[in-house]
Amino acid sequence: MSSKLIAGDNDFFAILVFVDVVQAVKMTNAQGEVKCPIQEINILKARGKSARDSFLMNGYASNIGHAAQGMPLRVAPPRIGCLDFFIFF
């Protein structure tokens, strides 16, 4: 919050970060203790956007580029496979 880049938008980022984002990662264990794993919060920076265009995305976001110009910008619906065994090559 002490950054010069977001100094003019302190109110916006106070609500976004301290209310929305921290509440999204908040966990309560069996003893009733509340933990907020701040290291689980990832911040992706996009060039050419203003600070007010920032938003909370539920889930996981990856900031990657295109390997080739013909690659699609979006994949909908995404198909994701989760494997729970070792794959031999």
PDB file of N, CA and C in Angstrom:
ATOM      1  N   MET A   1       0.816  -1.185   0.000  1.00  0.00           N
ATOM      2  CA  MET A   1       0.000   0.000   0.000  1.00  0.00           C
ATOM      3  C   MET A   1       0.864   1.254   0.000  1.00  0.00           C
ATOM      4  N   SER A   2       2.160   1.098   0.166  1.00  0.00           N
ATOM      5  CA  SER A   2       3.035   2.265   0.172  1.00  0.00           C
ATOM      6  C   SER A   2       3.633   2.544  -1.208  1.00  0.00           C
ATOM      7  N   SER A   3       3.170   1.843  -2.227  1.00  0.00           N
ATOM      8  CA  SER A   3       3.695   2.035  -3.574  1.00  0.00           C
ATOM      9  C   SER A   3       3.228   3.363  -4.159  1.00  0.00           C
ATOM     10  N   LYS A   4       4.116   4.008  -4.907  1.00  0.00           N
ATOM     11  CA  LYS A   4       3.753   5.258  -5.574  1.00  0.00           C
ATOM     12  C   LYS A   4       2.737   5.012  -6.683  1.00  0.00           C
ATOM     13  N   LEU A   5       2.766   3.825  -7.268  1.00  0.00           N
ATOM     14  CA  LEU A   5       1.886   3.532  -8.394  1.00  0.00           C
ATOM     15  C   LEU A   5       0.420   3.444  -7.995  1.00  0.00           C
ATOM     16  N   ILE A   6       0.142   2.964  -6.786  1.00  0.00           N
ATOM     17  CA  ILE A   6      -1.249   2.808  -6.367  1.00  0.00           C
ATOM     18  C   ILE A   6      -1.642   3.783  -5.272  1.00  0.00           C
ATOM     19  N   ALA A   7      -0.816   4.772  -5.018  1.00  0.00           N
ATOM     20  CA  ALA A   7      -1.093   5.714  -3.929  1.00  0.00           C
ATOM     21  C   ALA A   7      -2.411   6.450  -4.125  1.00  0.00           C
ATOM     22  N   GLY A   8      -2.775   6.759  -5.349  1.00  0.00           N
ATOM     23  CA  GLY A   8      -4.024   7.466  -5.597  1.00  0.00           C
ATOM     24  C   GLY A   8      -5.252   6.590  -5.487  1.00  0.00           C
ATOM     25  N   ASP A   9      -5.057   5.274  -5.470  1.00  0.00           N
ATOM     26  CA  ASP A   9      -6.174   4.331  -5.414  1.00  0.00           C
ATOM     27  C   ASP A   9      -6.155   3.514  -4.129  1.00  0.00           C
ATOM     28  N   ASN A  10      -5.744   4.119  -3.026  1.00  0.00           N
ATOM     29  CA  ASN A  10      -5.641   3.394  -1.757  1.00  0.00           C
ATOM     30  C   ASN A  10      -6.957   2.774  -1.331  1.00  0.00           C
ATOM     31  N   ASP A  11      -8.057   3.500  -1.467  1.00  0.00           N
ATOM     32  CA  ASP A  11      -9.353   2.973  -1.042  1.00  0.00           C
ATOM     33  C   ASP A  11      -9.749   1.748  -1.862  1.00  0.00           C
ATOM     34  N   PHE A  12      -9.532   1.811  -3.167  1.00  0.00           N
ATOM     35  CA  PHE A  12      -9.865   0.693  -4.048  1.00  0.00           C
ATOM     36  C   PHE A  12      -9.073  -0.555  -3.677  1.00  0.00           C
ATOM     37  N   PHE A  13      -7.753  -0.398  -3.483  1.00  0.00           N
ATOM     38  CA  PHE A  13      -6.918  -1.553  -3.172  1.00  0.00           C
ATOM     39  C   PHE A  13      -7.108  -2.040  -1.742  1.00  0.00           C
ATOM     40  N   ALA A  14      -7.483  -1.175  -0.831  1.00  0.00           N
ATOM     41  CA  ALA A  14      -7.754  -1.611   0.540  1.00  0.00           C
ATOM     42  C   ALA A  14      -8.924  -2.582   0.556  1.00  0.00           C
ATOM     43  N   ILE A  15      -9.958  -2.275  -0.198  1.00  0.00           N
ATOM     44  CA  ILE A  15     -11.118  -3.170  -0.261  1.00  0.00           C
ATOM     45  C   ILE A  15     -10.770  -4.435  -1.025  1.00  0.00           C
ATOM     46  N   LEU A  16     -10.103  -4.290  -2.157  1.00  0.00           N
ATOM     47  CA  LEU A  16      -9.774  -5.447  -2.990  1.00  0.00           C
ATOM     48  C   LEU A  16      -8.865  -6.419  -2.260  1.00  0.00           C
ATOM     49  N   VAL A  17      -7.784  -5.920  -1.676  1.00  0.00           N
ATOM     50  CA  VAL A  17      -6.789  -6.797  -1.056  1.00  0.00           C
ATOM     51  C   VAL A  17      -7.208  -7.249   0.329  1.00  0.00           C
ATOM     52  N   PHE A  18      -7.491  -6.317   1.192  1.00  0.00           N
ATOM     53  CA  PHE A  18      -7.693  -6.665   2.591  1.00  0.00           C
ATOM     54  C   PHE A  18      -9.060  -7.250   2.873  1.00  0.00           C
ATOM     55  N   VAL A  19     -10.022  -7.047   2.020  1.00  0.00           N
ATOM     56  CA  VAL A  19     -11.344  -7.621   2.256  1.00  0.00           C
ATOM     57  C   VAL A  19     -11.564  -8.818   1.345  1.00  0.00           C
ATOM     58  N   ASP A  20     -11.526  -8.603   0.046  1.00  0.00           N
ATOM     59  CA  ASP A  20     -11.877  -9.653  -0.903  1.00  0.00           C
ATOM     60  C   ASP A  20     -10.841 -10.769  -0.971  1.00  0.00           C
ATOM     61  N   VAL A  21      -9.591 -10.420  -1.194  1.00  0.00           N
ATOM     62  CA  VAL A  21      -8.558 -11.435  -1.423  1.00  0.00           C
ATOM     63  C   VAL A  21      -8.238 -12.211  -0.150  1.00  0.00           C
ATOM     64  N   VAL A  22      -8.055 -11.531   0.955  1.00  0.00           N
ATOM     65  CA  VAL A  22      -7.719 -12.225   2.202  1.00  0.00           C
ATOM     66  C   VAL A  22      -8.883 -13.095   2.659  1.00  0.00           C
ATOM     67  N   GLN A  23     -10.111 -12.648   2.461  1.00  0.00           N
ATOM     68  CA  GLN A  23     -11.264 -13.476   2.808  1.00  0.00           C
ATOM     69  C   GLN A  23     -11.344 -14.714   1.918  1.00  0.00           C
ATOM     70  N   ALA A  24     -10.873 -14.615   0.682  1.00  0.00           N
ATOM     71  CA  ALA A  24     -10.919 -15.753  -0.234  1.00  0.00           C
ATOM     72  C   ALA A  24      -9.954 -16.863   0.174  1.00  0.00           C
ATOM     73  N   VAL A  25      -8.825 -16.538   0.798  1.00  0.00           N
ATOM     74  CA  VAL A  25      -7.852 -17.565   1.184  1.00  0.00           C
ATOM     75  C   VAL A  25      -7.939 -17.931   2.661  1.00  0.00           C
ATOM     76  N   LYS A  26      -8.841 -17.300   3.390  1.00  0.00           N
ATOM     77  CA  LYS A  26      -8.963 -17.553   4.832  1.00  0.00           C
ATOM     78  C   LYS A  26      -9.426 -18.984   5.084  1.00  0.00           C
ATOM     79  N   MET A  27      -8.775 -19.651   6.045  1.00  0.00           N
ATOM     80  CA  MET A  27      -9.124 -21.020   6.411  1.00  0.00           C
ATOM     81  C   MET A  27      -9.291 -21.103   7.922  1.00  0.00           C
ATOM     82  N   THR A  28     -10.166 -21.990   8.363  1.00  0.00           N
ATOM     83  CA  THR A  28     -10.360 -22.248   9.787  1.00  0.00           C
ATOM     84  C   THR A  28     -10.056 -23.720  10.030  1.00  0.00           C
ATOM     85  N   ASN A  29      -9.156 -24.006  10.984  1.00  0.00           N
ATOM     86  CA  ASN A  29      -8.801 -25.396  11.256  1.00  0.00           C
ATOM     87  C   ASN A  29      -9.779 -26.014  12.254  1.00  0.00           C
ATOM     88  N   ALA A  30      -9.545 -27.268  12.638  1.00  0.00           N
ATOM     89  CA  ALA A  30     -10.454 -28.001  13.524  1.00  0.00           C
ATOM     90  C   ALA A  30     -10.557 -27.375  14.909  1.00  0.00           C
ATOM     91  N   GLN A  31      -9.516 -26.665  15.357  1.00  0.00           N
ATOM     92  CA  GLN A  31      -9.542 -26.018  16.666  1.00  0.00           C
ATOM     93  C   GLN A  31     -10.232 -24.657  16.612  1.00  0.00           C
ATOM     94  N   GLY A  32     -10.661 -24.226  15.458  1.00  0.00           N
ATOM     95  CA  GLY A  32     -11.328 -22.940  15.317  1.00  0.00           C
ATOM     96  C   GLY A  32     -10.384 -21.777  15.087  1.00  0.00           C
ATOM     97  N   GLU A  33      -9.095 -22.060  14.890  1.00  0.00           N
ATOM     98  CA  GLU A  33      -8.126 -20.998  14.627  1.00  0.00           C
ATOM     99  C   GLU A  33      -8.228 -20.561  13.169  1.00  0.00           C
ATOM    100  N   VAL A  34      -8.233 -19.268  12.953  1.00  0.00           N
ATOM    101  CA  VAL A  34      -8.330 -18.716  11.604  1.00  0.00           C
ATOM    102  C   VAL A  34      -6.928 -18.427  11.084  1.00  0.00           C
ATOM    103  N   LYS A  35      -6.638 -18.932   9.900  1.00  0.00           N
ATOM    104  CA  LYS A  35      -5.343 -18.711   9.248  1.00  0.00           C
ATOM    105  C   LYS A  35      -5.590 -18.076   7.883  1.00  0.00           C
ATOM    106  N   CYS A  36      -4.740 -17.136   7.525  1.00  0.00           N
ATOM    107  CA  CYS A  36      -4.791 -16.495   6.208  1.00  0.00           C
ATOM    108  C   CYS A  36      -3.438 -16.700   5.537  1.00  0.00           C
ATOM    109  N   PRO A  37      -3.307 -17.747   4.705  1.00  0.00           N
ATOM    110  CA  PRO A  37      -2.016 -18.009   4.053  1.00  0.00           C
ATOM    111  C   PRO A  37      -1.729 -16.989   2.954  1.00  0.00           C
ATOM    112  N   ILE A  38      -1.081 -15.910   3.336  1.00  0.00           N
ATOM    113  CA  ILE A  38      -0.799 -14.814   2.412  1.00  0.00           C
ATOM    114  C   ILE A  38       0.093 -15.273   1.258  1.00  0.00           C
ATOM    115  N   GLN A  39       0.952 -16.277   1.486  1.00  0.00           N
ATOM    116  CA  GLN A  39       1.838 -16.754   0.427  1.00  0.00           C
ATOM    117  C   GLN A  39       1.059 -17.436  -0.701  1.00  0.00           C
ATOM    118  N   GLU A  40      -0.207 -17.760  -0.489  1.00  0.00           N
ATOM    119  CA  GLU A  40      -1.028 -18.381  -1.523  1.00  0.00           C
ATOM    120  C   GLU A  40      -1.630 -17.361  -2.486  1.00  0.00           C
ATOM    121  N   ILE A  41      -1.440 -16.073  -2.228  1.00  0.00           N
ATOM    122  CA  ILE A  41      -1.986 -15.023  -3.084  1.00  0.00           C
ATOM    123  C   ILE A  41      -0.963 -14.685  -4.162  1.00  0.00           C
ATOM    124  N   ASN A  42      -1.368 -14.806  -5.411  1.00  0.00           N
ATOM    125  CA  ASN A  42      -0.497 -14.475  -6.542  1.00  0.00           C
ATOM    126  C   ASN A  42      -0.993 -13.201  -7.201  1.00  0.00           C
ATOM    127  N   ILE A  43      -0.084 -12.344  -7.580  1.00  0.00           N
ATOM    128  CA  ILE A  43      -0.424 -11.100  -8.250  1.00  0.00           C
ATOM    129  C   ILE A  43       0.157 -11.138  -9.651  1.00  0.00           C
ATOM    130  N   LEU A  44      -0.703 -11.013 -10.638  1.00  0.00           N
ATOM    131  CA  LEU A  44      -0.266 -10.973 -12.028  1.00  0.00           C
ATOM    132  C   LEU A  44      -0.346  -9.538 -12.513  1.00  0.00           C
ATOM    133  N   LYS A  45       0.702  -9.091 -13.168  1.00  0.00           N
ATOM    134  CA  LYS A  45       0.747  -7.722 -13.680  1.00  0.00           C
ATOM    135  C   LYS A  45       0.540  -7.751 -15.186  1.00  0.00           C
ATOM    136  N   ALA A  46      -0.337  -6.880 -15.668  1.00  0.00           N
ATOM    137  CA  ALA A  46      -0.606  -6.783 -17.102  1.00  0.00           C
ATOM    138  C   ALA A  46      -0.170  -5.416 -17.599  1.00  0.00           C
ATOM    139  N   ARG A  47       0.592  -5.400 -18.660  1.00  0.00           N
ATOM    140  CA  ARG A  47       1.057  -4.129 -19.219  1.00  0.00           C
ATOM    141  C   ARG A  47      -0.075  -3.454 -19.977  1.00  0.00           C
ATOM    142  N   GLY A  48      -0.117  -2.124 -19.888  1.00  0.00           N
ATOM    143  CA  GLY A  48      -1.095  -1.367 -20.644  1.00  0.00           C
ATOM    144  C   GLY A  48      -2.428  -1.189 -19.960  1.00  0.00           C
ATOM    145  N   LYS A  49      -2.582  -1.675 -18.758  1.00  0.00           N
ATOM    146  CA  LYS A  49      -3.837  -1.532 -18.024  1.00  0.00           C
ATOM    147  C   LYS A  49      -3.634  -0.545 -16.891  1.00  0.00           C
ATOM    148  N   SER A  50      -4.729   0.035 -16.414  1.00  0.00           N
ATOM    149  CA  SER A  50      -4.624   0.941 -15.273  1.00  0.00           C
ATOM    150  C   SER A  50      -4.774   0.146 -13.982  1.00  0.00           C
ATOM    151  N   ALA A  51      -4.378   0.737 -12.887  1.00  0.00           N
ATOM    152  CA  ALA A  51      -4.474   0.067 -11.590  1.00  0.00           C
ATOM    153  C   ALA A  51      -5.924  -0.201 -11.219  1.00  0.00           C
ATOM    154  N   ARG A  52      -6.842   0.645 -11.650  1.00  0.00           N
ATOM    155  CA  ARG A  52      -8.270   0.475 -11.354  1.00  0.00           C
ATOM    156  C   ARG A  52      -8.890  -0.691 -12.121  1.00  0.00           C
ATOM    157  N   ASP A  53      -8.190  -1.233 -13.104  1.00  0.00           N
ATOM    158  CA  ASP A  53      -8.687  -2.393 -13.837  1.00  0.00           C
ATOM    159  C   ASP A  53      -8.377  -3.699 -13.115  1.00  0.00           C
ATOM    160  N   SER A  54      -7.763  -3.631 -11.947  1.00  0.00           N
ATOM    161  CA  SER A  54      -7.425  -4.828 -11.176  1.00  0.00           C
ATOM    162  C   SER A  54      -8.694  -5.495 -10.671  1.00  0.00           C
ATOM    163  N   PHE A  55      -8.652  -6.825 -10.598  1.00  0.00           N
ATOM    164  CA  PHE A  55      -9.806  -7.561 -10.096  1.00  0.00           C
ATOM    165  C   PHE A  55      -9.351  -8.872  -9.484  1.00  0.00           C
ATOM    166  N   LEU A  56     -10.221  -9.462  -8.680  1.00  0.00           N
ATOM    167  CA  LEU A  56      -9.963 -10.751  -8.050  1.00  0.00           C
ATOM    168  C   LEU A  56     -10.505 -11.837  -8.959  1.00  0.00           C
ATOM    169  N   MET A  57      -9.667 -12.827  -9.271  1.00  0.00           N
ATOM    170  CA  MET A  57     -10.101 -13.944 -10.083  1.00  0.00           C
ATOM    171  C   MET A  57     -10.103 -15.187  -9.207  1.00  0.00           C
ATOM    172  N   ASN A  58     -11.257 -15.786  -9.037  1.00  0.00           N
ATOM    173  CA  ASN A  58     -11.351 -17.019  -8.263  1.00  0.00           C
ATOM    174  C   ASN A  58     -10.767 -18.155  -9.085  1.00  0.00           C
ATOM    175  N   GLY A  59      -9.931 -18.952  -8.469  1.00  0.00           N
ATOM    176  CA  GLY A  59      -9.277 -20.032  -9.178  1.00  0.00           C
ATOM    177  C   GLY A  59      -7.803 -19.737  -9.341  1.00  0.00           C
ATOM    178  N   TYR A  60      -7.236 -20.205 -10.436  1.00  0.00           N
ATOM    179  CA  TYR A  60      -5.816 -20.016 -10.690  1.00  0.00           C
ATOM    180  C   TYR A  60      -5.640 -19.350 -12.042  1.00  0.00           C
ATOM    181  N   ALA A  61      -4.805 -18.352 -12.097  1.00  0.00           N
ATOM    182  CA  ALA A  61      -4.510 -17.656 -13.352  1.00  0.00           C
ATOM    183  C   ALA A  61      -3.023 -17.771 -13.635  1.00  0.00           C
ATOM    184  N   SER A  62      -2.696 -17.924 -14.886  1.00  0.00           N
ATOM    185  CA  SER A  62      -1.307 -18.042 -15.304  1.00  0.00           C
ATOM    186  C   SER A  62      -1.013 -16.953 -16.326  1.00  0.00           C
ATOM    187  N   ASN A  63       0.065 -16.249 -16.138  1.00  0.00           N
ATOM    188  CA  ASN A  63       0.442 -15.158 -17.028  1.00  0.00           C
ATOM    189  C   ASN A  63       1.485 -15.673 -18.011  1.00  0.00           C
ATOM    190  N   ILE A  64       1.019 -16.210 -19.126  1.00  0.00           N
ATOM    191  CA  ILE A  64       1.925 -16.772 -20.120  1.00  0.00           C
ATOM    192  C   ILE A  64       1.694 -16.084 -21.458  1.00  0.00           C
ATOM    193  N   GLY A  65       2.659 -16.165 -22.307  1.00  0.00           N
ATOM    194  CA  GLY A  65       2.549 -15.577 -23.635  1.00  0.00           C
ATOM    195  C   GLY A  65       2.244 -16.642 -24.672  1.00  0.00           C
ATOM    196  N   HIS A  66       2.168 -16.221 -25.903  1.00  0.00           N
ATOM    197  CA  HIS A  66       1.907 -17.136 -27.005  1.00  0.00           C
ATOM    198  C   HIS A  66       3.226 -17.672 -27.541  1.00  0.00           C
ATOM    199  N   ALA A  67       3.273 -18.969 -27.790  1.00  0.00           N
ATOM    200  CA  ALA A  67       4.456 -19.559 -28.402  1.00  0.00           C
ATOM    201  C   ALA A  67       4.442 -19.336 -29.911  1.00  0.00           C
ATOM    202  N   ALA A  68       3.240 -19.216 -30.471  1.00  0.00           N
ATOM    203  CA  ALA A  68       3.096 -18.965 -31.903  1.00  0.00           C
ATOM    204  C   ALA A  68       1.911 -18.033 -32.122  1.00  0.00           C
ATOM    205  N   GLN A  69       1.930 -17.295 -33.204  1.00  0.00           N
ATOM    206  CA  GLN A  69       0.886 -16.318 -33.471  1.00  0.00           C
ATOM    207  C   GLN A  69      -0.472 -16.980 -33.704  1.00  0.00           C
ATOM    208  N   GLY A  70      -0.498 -18.200 -34.171  1.00  0.00           N
ATOM    209  CA  GLY A  70      -1.749 -18.892 -34.464  1.00  0.00           C
ATOM    210  C   GLY A  70      -2.416 -19.533 -33.260  1.00  0.00           C
ATOM    211  N   MET A  71      -1.810 -19.428 -32.089  1.00  0.00           N
ATOM    212  CA  MET A  71      -2.399 -20.039 -30.893  1.00  0.00           C
ATOM    213  C   MET A  71      -3.680 -19.305 -30.507  1.00  0.00           C
ATOM    214  N   PRO A  72      -4.688 -20.044 -30.007  1.00  0.00           N
ATOM    215  CA  PRO A  72      -5.934 -19.382 -29.601  1.00  0.00           C
ATOM    216  C   PRO A  72      -5.731 -18.546 -28.341  1.00  0.00           C
ATOM    217  N   LEU A  73      -6.521 -17.467 -28.222  1.00  0.00           N
ATOM    218  CA  LEU A  73      -6.456 -16.622 -27.034  1.00  0.00           C
ATOM    219  C   LEU A  73      -7.223 -17.236 -25.875  1.00  0.00           C
ATOM    220  N   ARG A  74      -8.289 -17.969 -26.183  1.00  0.00           N
ATOM    221  CA  ARG A  74      -9.097 -18.616 -25.145  1.00  0.00           C
ATOM    222  C   ARG A  74      -9.370 -20.055 -25.537  1.00  0.00           C
ATOM    223  N   VAL A  75      -9.523 -20.899 -24.533  1.00  0.00           N
ATOM    224  CA  VAL A  75      -9.939 -22.277 -24.735  1.00  0.00           C
ATOM    225  C   VAL A  75     -11.203 -22.461 -23.914  1.00  0.00           C
ATOM    226  N   ALA A  76     -12.325 -22.683 -24.593  1.00  0.00           N
ATOM    227  CA  ALA A  76     -13.594 -22.813 -23.875  1.00  0.00           C
ATOM    228  C   ALA A  76     -14.386 -23.962 -24.475  1.00  0.00           C
ATOM    229  N   PRO A  77     -14.833 -24.881 -23.719  1.00  0.00           N
ATOM    230  CA  PRO A  77     -14.544 -25.102 -22.306  1.00  0.00           C
ATOM    231  C   PRO A  77     -13.191 -25.789 -22.153  1.00  0.00           C
ATOM    232  N   PRO A  78     -12.445 -25.436 -21.137  1.00  0.00           N
ATOM    233  CA  PRO A  78     -11.129 -26.059 -20.948  1.00  0.00           C
ATOM    234  C   PRO A  78     -11.275 -27.503 -20.484  1.00  0.00           C
ATOM    235  N   ARG A  79     -10.383 -28.346 -20.933  1.00  0.00           N
ATOM    236  CA  ARG A  79     -10.357 -29.741 -20.495  1.00  0.00           C
ATOM    237  C   ARG A  79      -9.045 -29.952 -19.751  1.00  0.00           C
ATOM    238  N   ILE A  80      -9.156 -30.282 -18.490  1.00  0.00           N
ATOM    239  CA  ILE A  80      -7.988 -30.427 -17.636  1.00  0.00           C
ATOM    240  C   ILE A  80      -7.979 -31.844 -17.081  1.00  0.00           C
ATOM    241  N   GLY A  81      -6.863 -32.529 -17.219  1.00  0.00           N
ATOM    242  CA  GLY A  81      -6.726 -33.873 -16.683  1.00  0.00           C
ATOM    243  C   GLY A  81      -5.797 -33.883 -15.482  1.00  0.00           C
ATOM    244  N   CYS A  82      -6.214 -34.550 -14.423  1.00  0.00           N
ATOM    245  CA  CYS A  82      -5.391 -34.692 -13.217  1.00  0.00           C
ATOM    246  C   CYS A  82      -5.023 -36.160 -13.072  1.00  0.00           C
ATOM    247  N   LEU A  83      -3.744 -36.455 -13.066  1.00  0.00           N
ATOM    248  CA  LEU A  83      -3.268 -37.827 -12.970  1.00  0.00           C
ATOM    249  C   LEU A  83      -2.629 -38.050 -11.615  1.00  0.00           C
ATOM    250  N   ASP A  84      -2.907 -39.209 -11.033  1.00  0.00           N
ATOM    251  CA  ASP A  84      -2.365 -39.526  -9.719  1.00  0.00           C
ATOM    252  C   ASP A  84      -1.422 -40.727  -9.812  1.00  0.00           C
ATOM    253  N   PHE A  85      -0.634 -40.790 -10.883  1.00  0.00           N
ATOM    254  CA  PHE A  85       0.350 -41.855 -11.022  1.00  0.00           C
ATOM    255  C   PHE A  85       1.510 -41.344 -11.848  1.00  0.00           C
ATOM    256  N   PHE A  86       2.633 -42.029 -11.749  1.00  0.00           N
ATOM    257  CA  PHE A  86       3.842 -41.628 -12.450  1.00  0.00           C
ATOM    258  C   PHE A  86       3.752 -42.053 -13.910  1.00  0.00           C
ATOM    259  N   ILE A  87       4.123 -41.181 -14.805  1.00  0.00           N
ATOM    260  CA  ILE A  87       4.128 -41.488 -16.234  1.00  0.00           C
ATOM    261  C   ILE A  87       5.569 -41.752 -16.657  1.00  0.00           C
ATOM    262  N   PHE A  88       5.824 -42.931 -17.224  1.00  0.00           N
ATOM    263  CA  PHE A  88       7.159 -43.300 -17.682  1.00  0.00           C
ATOM    264  C   PHE A  88       7.362 -42.807 -19.104  1.00  0.00           C
ATOM    265  N   PHE A  89       8.528 -42.242 -19.383  1.00  0.00           N
ATOM    266  CA  PHE A  89       8.858 -41.786 -20.730  1.00  0.00           C
ATOM    267  C   PHE A  89       9.878 -42.686 -21.339  1.00  0.00           C
TER     268      PHE A  89
END
